[in-house]
Amino acid sequence: MPEAAAAQPPSPGSPPKPETVAALKSVAAKQLKNPNSARWERMQQATRPNVAGKPMDVVCGYVNTKNSFGGYTVAKPFIYFVETQNLYVTGADDNLAASDTVKMFCSGLV
């Protein structure tokens, strides 16, 4: 009986390329309430498998923006899918799916 293949550890992250950061910030400008105030922290890019096992190029990190009162609160985890240019920020509009997606793809990166 053949042995089961050992699970591959996730690929280590690296800082995202400048062009990837620029694309991410362009998408964020359309989504965030106050994109000009955004502070991007601990960004890491890596390849992670989706639920079907297809490799996805993602950027994970934290973003903090000013609230309606003009102050910063707590940085929120985010994930950006490079190929599809989709950005999901946890805590934005109580988006539970974003939180689960960040956990699935960003575990061990940030």
Protein backbone atom coordinates (compact mmCIF):
# COMPACT_ATOMS: atom_id res chain seq x y z
CA MET A 1 0.00 0.00 0.00
CA PRO A 2 1.58 3.35 -1.02
CA GLU A 3 2.26 5.89 1.69
CA ALA A 4 0.22 9.07 1.70
CA ALA A 5 2.14 12.08 0.47
CA ALA A 6 3.16 14.40 3.25
CA ALA A 7 1.34 17.72 3.26
CA GLN A 8 3.42 20.43 1.69
CA PRO A 9 4.15 23.33 4.02
CA PRO A 10 2.91 26.68 2.76
CA SER A 11 5.37 28.67 0.73
CA PRO A 12 7.17 31.33 2.74
CA GLY A 13 6.17 34.88 2.07
CA SER A 14 8.26 37.70 0.67
CA PRO A 15 7.68 41.43 0.33
CA PRO A 16 5.35 42.14 -2.61
CA LYS A 17 6.73 43.70 -5.77
CA PRO A 18 6.18 47.47 -6.18
CA GLU A 19 3.82 46.93 -9.12
CA THR A 20 1.72 44.54 -7.03
CA VAL A 21 1.52 47.09 -4.20
CA ALA A 22 0.47 49.77 -6.69
CA ALA A 23 -2.31 47.54 -8.07
CA LEU A 24 -3.46 46.68 -4.53
CA LYS A 25 -3.62 50.36 -3.56
CA SER A 26 -5.55 51.17 -6.74
CA VAL A 27 -8.20 48.60 -5.80
CA ALA A 28 -8.19 49.86 -2.19
CA ALA A 29 -8.84 53.42 -3.39
CA LYS A 30 -12.22 52.24 -4.67
CA GLN A 31 -13.11 50.20 -1.55
CA LEU A 32 -11.78 51.91 1.55
CA LYS A 33 -13.64 54.76 3.22
CA ASN A 34 -10.51 56.91 3.51
CA PRO A 35 -7.86 55.35 1.22
CA ASN A 36 -5.49 58.31 1.38
CA SER A 37 -5.00 57.70 5.10
CA ALA A 38 -4.23 53.99 4.68
CA ARG A 39 -1.24 52.63 6.57
CA TRP A 40 -0.16 49.30 5.12
CA GLU A 41 1.71 46.99 7.50
CA ARG A 42 3.51 43.63 7.38
CA MET A 43 2.63 42.89 3.74
CA GLN A 44 3.77 39.48 2.53
CA GLN A 45 3.22 37.86 -0.87
CA ALA A 46 3.00 34.11 -1.28
CA THR A 47 1.42 31.34 -3.32
CA ARG A 48 -1.31 29.44 -1.48
CA PRO A 49 -3.68 26.68 -2.68
CA ASN A 50 -7.40 27.43 -2.80
CA VAL A 51 -10.01 24.86 -1.72
CA ALA A 52 -9.67 23.10 -5.10
CA GLY A 53 -5.88 22.97 -4.71
CA LYS A 54 -5.22 25.59 -7.42
CA PRO A 55 -2.28 27.84 -6.51
CA MET A 56 -3.24 31.46 -5.91
CA ASP A 57 -0.83 34.38 -5.67
CA VAL A 58 -1.89 36.47 -2.65
CA VAL A 59 -0.71 39.41 -0.59
CA CYS A 60 -1.58 39.37 3.11
CA GLY A 61 -1.06 42.06 5.69
CA TYR A 62 -2.75 44.70 7.79
CA VAL A 63 -4.31 48.04 6.87
CA ASN A 64 -5.35 50.88 9.14
CA THR A 65 -7.34 53.88 7.94
CA LYS A 66 -8.79 56.90 9.64
CA ASN A 67 -12.35 56.51 10.86
CA SER A 68 -15.19 59.03 10.50
CA PHE A 69 -13.82 61.00 13.46
CA GLY A 70 -10.40 61.42 11.80
CA GLY A 71 -8.51 59.04 14.07
CA TYR A 72 -6.86 55.68 13.54
CA THR A 73 -8.29 52.62 15.26
CA VAL A 74 -6.90 49.09 14.93
CA ALA A 75 -5.18 47.70 11.85
CA LYS A 76 -7.33 45.07 10.15
CA PRO A 77 -6.03 41.98 8.35
CA PHE A 78 -6.49 41.93 4.58
CA ILE A 79 -5.93 39.63 1.64
CA TYR A 80 -5.39 40.66 -1.96
CA PHE A 81 -5.66 38.15 -4.81
CA VAL A 82 -3.11 39.25 -7.40
CA GLU A 83 -4.62 37.56 -10.46
CA THR A 84 -8.23 38.66 -9.91
CA GLN A 85 -7.38 41.95 -8.15
CA ASN A 86 -9.86 41.24 -5.35
CA LEU A 87 -9.20 42.84 -1.97
CA TYR A 88 -10.88 41.68 1.23
CA VAL A 89 -10.45 43.51 4.52
CA THR A 90 -11.71 41.90 7.71
CA GLY A 91 -14.06 43.94 9.83
CA ALA A 92 -15.24 45.89 6.80
CA ASP A 93 -19.03 45.93 6.86
CA ASP A 94 -19.04 42.85 9.13
CA ASN A 95 -17.77 40.69 6.27
CA LEU A 96 -17.39 37.27 7.92
CA ALA A 97 -16.38 35.69 4.62
CA ALA A 98 -13.35 38.01 4.47
CA SER A 99 -12.27 36.87 7.93
CA ASP A 100 -12.49 33.20 6.94
CA THR A 101 -10.65 33.87 3.67
CA VAL A 102 -7.82 35.67 5.47
CA LYS A 103 -7.51 32.80 7.94
CA MET A 104 -7.39 30.22 5.15
CA PHE A 105 -4.81 31.93 2.93
CA CYS A 106 -2.76 34.08 5.33
CA SER A 107 -2.15 31.68 8.19
CA GLY A 108 1.57 31.71 8.96
CA LEU A 109 2.28 34.75 6.78
CA VAL A 110 1.28 37.65 8.99
